[in-house]
Amino acid sequence: AGEGPAPRSDGARKRSGGHRWSDPRMDRAVEARLADPGLDAAEALRVGGYVFPDPGGGGAGLTQKDILDSDNVSLTQRKNNLLRRLRVLRRKDDGSGTGAVAPPSMRPGRGAAGP
């Protein structure tokens, strides 16, 4: 009794080592938006793996706050999270002076090949 929370059914696990756990779908959405800055935030979330109902299919009158993903999180909340992650990455990378943002997979310490 009282052995802690049950493991998640989607296979996601909290990482150790002092890093916050990050939803792999959001990581993919960030990568998609970095690869194509013209991509709509909602479409980047879909590319990342989030599932939202098609608002064109009888969803007249629904706002983005009303559209929920498979985890019952609103499209607005997911978009806010995505845009916040992008903003944080830009601020972190502004020290280079270019304003360009390297995808997380290309950053030092994230598996990128060194010189």
C-alpha atoms as a PDB file:
ATOM      1  CA  ALA A   1       0.000   0.000   0.000  1.00  0.00           C
ATOM      2  CA  GLY A   2       1.192   3.514  -0.786  1.00  0.00           C
ATOM      3  CA  GLU A   3       3.869   2.597  -3.325  1.00  0.00           C
ATOM      4  CA  GLY A   4       3.582   5.885  -5.253  1.00  0.00           C
ATOM      5  CA  PRO A   5       1.851   6.709  -8.501  1.00  0.00           C
ATOM      6  CA  ALA A   6       1.180   4.032 -11.063  1.00  0.00           C
ATOM      7  CA  PRO A   7       3.404   4.039 -14.154  1.00  0.00           C
ATOM      8  CA  ARG A   8       2.008   5.953 -17.121  1.00  0.00           C
ATOM      9  CA  SER A   9       0.461   3.825 -19.811  1.00  0.00           C
ATOM     10  CA  ASP A  10       2.107   5.849 -22.623  1.00  0.00           C
ATOM     11  CA  GLY A  11       5.577   4.774 -21.514  1.00  0.00           C
ATOM     12  CA  ALA A  12       6.655   8.276 -20.477  1.00  0.00           C
ATOM     13  CA  ARG A  13       8.984   8.380 -17.499  1.00  0.00           C
ATOM     14  CA  LYS A  14      10.428  11.097 -15.368  1.00  0.00           C
ATOM     15  CA  ARG A  15      14.122  11.589 -16.067  1.00  0.00           C
ATOM     16  CA  SER A  16      16.654  11.579 -13.299  1.00  0.00           C
ATOM     17  CA  GLY A  17      19.625  13.883 -12.976  1.00  0.00           C
ATOM     18  CA  GLY A  18      17.918  17.098 -11.956  1.00  0.00           C
ATOM     19  CA  HIS A  19      16.184  17.701 -15.288  1.00  0.00           C
ATOM     20  CA  ARG A  20      12.473  18.250 -15.502  1.00  0.00           C
ATOM     21  CA  TRP A  21      10.444  15.640 -17.302  1.00  0.00           C
ATOM     22  CA  SER A  22       9.497  16.736 -20.786  1.00  0.00           C
ATOM     23  CA  ASP A  23       6.639  15.324 -22.847  1.00  0.00           C
ATOM     24  CA  PRO A  24       8.221  13.806 -25.977  1.00  0.00           C
ATOM     25  CA  ARG A  25       5.254  15.052 -28.028  1.00  0.00           C
ATOM     26  CA  MET A  26       6.032  18.637 -26.988  1.00  0.00           C
ATOM     27  CA  ASP A  27       9.705  18.065 -27.788  1.00  0.00           C
ATOM     28  CA  ARG A  28       8.704  16.940 -31.301  1.00  0.00           C
ATOM     29  CA  ALA A  29       6.366  19.928 -31.663  1.00  0.00           C
ATOM     30  CA  VAL A  30       9.224  22.284 -30.704  1.00  0.00           C
ATOM     31  CA  GLU A  31      11.504  20.576 -33.237  1.00  0.00           C
ATOM     32  CA  ALA A  32       8.824  20.865 -35.940  1.00  0.00           C
ATOM     33  CA  ARG A  33       8.317  24.570 -35.298  1.00  0.00           C
ATOM     34  CA  LEU A  34      12.072  25.222 -35.241  1.00  0.00           C
ATOM     35  CA  ALA A  35      12.467  23.369 -38.534  1.00  0.00           C
ATOM     36  CA  ASP A  36       9.594  25.356 -40.106  1.00  0.00           C
ATOM     37  CA  PRO A  37       8.965  28.690 -38.332  1.00  0.00           C
ATOM     38  CA  GLY A  38       5.995  29.335 -40.638  1.00  0.00           C
ATOM     39  CA  LEU A  39       4.211  26.269 -39.281  1.00  0.00           C
ATOM     40  CA  ASP A  40       1.065  27.101 -37.309  1.00  0.00           C
ATOM     41  CA  ALA A  41       1.410  26.292 -33.597  1.00  0.00           C
ATOM     42  CA  ALA A  42      -1.625  23.987 -33.651  1.00  0.00           C
ATOM     43  CA  GLU A  43      -0.210  22.105 -36.643  1.00  0.00           C
ATOM     44  CA  ALA A  44       3.187  21.799 -34.906  1.00  0.00           C
ATOM     45  CA  LEU A  45       1.387  20.225 -31.947  1.00  0.00           C
ATOM     46  CA  ARG A  46      -0.325  17.728 -34.279  1.00  0.00           C
ATOM     47  CA  VAL A  47       3.026  16.933 -35.934  1.00  0.00           C
ATOM     48  CA  GLY A  48       4.416  16.351 -32.434  1.00  0.00           C
ATOM     49  CA  GLY A  49       1.759  13.736 -31.779  1.00  0.00           C
ATOM     50  CA  TYR A  50      -1.024  15.552 -29.945  1.00  0.00           C
ATOM     51  CA  VAL A  51      -4.486  14.518 -31.055  1.00  0.00           C
ATOM     52  CA  PHE A  52      -7.151  17.201 -31.297  1.00  0.00           C
ATOM     53  CA  PRO A  53     -10.563  16.734 -32.895  1.00  0.00           C
ATOM     54  CA  ASP A  54     -11.005  18.464 -36.244  1.00  0.00           C
ATOM     55  CA  PRO A  55     -12.859  21.710 -35.446  1.00  0.00           C
ATOM     56  CA  GLY A  56     -14.379  21.653 -38.940  1.00  0.00           C
ATOM     57  CA  GLY A  57     -16.260  18.452 -38.172  1.00  0.00           C
ATOM     58  CA  GLY A  58     -19.347  19.815 -36.415  1.00  0.00           C
ATOM     59  CA  GLY A  59     -17.412  21.949 -33.958  1.00  0.00           C
ATOM     60  CA  ALA A  60     -19.028  25.239 -34.946  1.00  0.00           C
ATOM     61  CA  GLY A  61     -18.846  27.756 -32.145  1.00  0.00           C
ATOM     62  CA  LEU A  62     -15.985  26.013 -30.342  1.00  0.00           C
ATOM     63  CA  THR A  63     -13.082  28.146 -29.171  1.00  0.00           C
ATOM     64  CA  GLN A  64      -9.528  26.890 -28.757  1.00  0.00           C
ATOM     65  CA  LYS A  65     -10.217  26.678 -25.027  1.00  0.00           C
ATOM     66  CA  ASP A  66     -13.027  24.233 -25.763  1.00  0.00           C
ATOM     67  CA  ILE A  67     -10.976  21.933 -28.006  1.00  0.00           C
ATOM     68  CA  LEU A  68      -9.352  19.280 -25.808  1.00  0.00           C
ATOM     69  CA  ASP A  69      -6.659  16.756 -26.689  1.00  0.00           C
ATOM     70  CA  SER A  70      -6.670  13.103 -25.675  1.00  0.00           C
ATOM     71  CA  ASP A  71      -5.370  14.111 -22.216  1.00  0.00           C
ATOM     72  CA  ASN A  72      -8.206  16.652 -21.738  1.00  0.00           C
ATOM     73  CA  VAL A  73      -5.835  19.618 -22.066  1.00  0.00           C
ATOM     74  CA  SER A  74      -7.079  22.544 -24.131  1.00  0.00           C
ATOM     75  CA  LEU A  75      -5.532  23.545 -27.431  1.00  0.00           C
ATOM     76  CA  THR A  76      -4.946  27.001 -25.938  1.00  0.00           C
ATOM     77  CA  GLN A  77      -2.967  25.539 -23.051  1.00  0.00           C
ATOM     78  CA  ARG A  78      -0.841  23.350 -25.351  1.00  0.00           C
ATOM     79  CA  LYS A  79      -0.149  26.287 -27.686  1.00  0.00           C
ATOM     80  CA  ASN A  80       0.839  28.489 -24.753  1.00  0.00           C
ATOM     81  CA  ASN A  81       3.252  25.799 -23.559  1.00  0.00           C
ATOM     82  CA  LEU A  82       4.758  25.397 -27.040  1.00  0.00           C
ATOM     83  CA  LEU A  83       5.212  29.145 -27.523  1.00  0.00           C
ATOM     84  CA  ARG A  84       6.703  29.495 -24.033  1.00  0.00           C
ATOM     85  CA  ARG A  85       9.228  26.733 -24.782  1.00  0.00           C
ATOM     86  CA  LEU A  86      10.195  28.466 -28.039  1.00  0.00           C
ATOM     87  CA  ARG A  87      10.519  31.827 -26.278  1.00  0.00           C
ATOM     88  CA  VAL A  88      12.747  30.331 -23.564  1.00  0.00           C
ATOM     89  CA  LEU A  89      14.961  28.702 -26.204  1.00  0.00           C
ATOM     90  CA  ARG A  90      15.298  31.988 -28.098  1.00  0.00           C
ATOM     91  CA  ARG A  91      16.236  33.872 -24.943  1.00  0.00           C
ATOM     92  CA  LYS A  92      18.765  31.213 -24.031  1.00  0.00           C
ATOM     93  CA  ASP A  93      20.338  31.391 -27.489  1.00  0.00           C
ATOM     94  CA  ASP A  94      20.278  35.200 -27.773  1.00  0.00           C
ATOM     95  CA  GLY A  95      23.791  35.314 -26.361  1.00  0.00           C
ATOM     96  CA  SER A  96      25.053  34.355 -29.834  1.00  0.00           C
ATOM     97  CA  GLY A  97      23.776  37.619 -31.287  1.00  0.00           C
ATOM     98  CA  THR A  98      22.108  35.882 -34.216  1.00  0.00           C
ATOM     99  CA  GLY A  99      18.725  35.207 -32.657  1.00  0.00           C
ATOM    100  CA  ALA A 100      18.771  31.855 -34.438  1.00  0.00           C
ATOM    101  CA  VAL A 101      17.670  28.869 -32.404  1.00  0.00           C
ATOM    102  CA  ALA A 102      19.390  25.526 -32.788  1.00  0.00           C
ATOM    103  CA  PRO A 103      17.140  22.490 -32.362  1.00  0.00           C
ATOM    104  CA  PRO A 104      17.639  20.757 -28.997  1.00  0.00           C
ATOM    105  CA  SER A 105      19.252  17.801 -30.755  1.00  0.00           C
ATOM    106  CA  MET A 106      21.989  20.121 -32.070  1.00  0.00           C
ATOM    107  CA  ARG A 107      22.850  21.759 -28.746  1.00  0.00           C
ATOM    108  CA  PRO A 108      25.977  20.858 -26.769  1.00  0.00           C
ATOM    109  CA  GLY A 109      25.460  18.016 -24.346  1.00  0.00           C
ATOM    110  CA  ARG A 110      22.441  16.682 -26.248  1.00  0.00           C
ATOM    111  CA  GLY A 111      24.107  14.081 -28.412  1.00  0.00           C
ATOM    112  CA  ALA A 112      25.504  16.457 -31.021  1.00  0.00           C
ATOM    113  CA  ALA A 113      28.828  15.443 -32.522  1.00  0.00           C
ATOM    114  CA  GLY A 114      31.681  17.519 -31.169  1.00  0.00           C
ATOM    115  CA  PRO A 115      34.712  18.900 -33.020  1.00  0.00           C
END
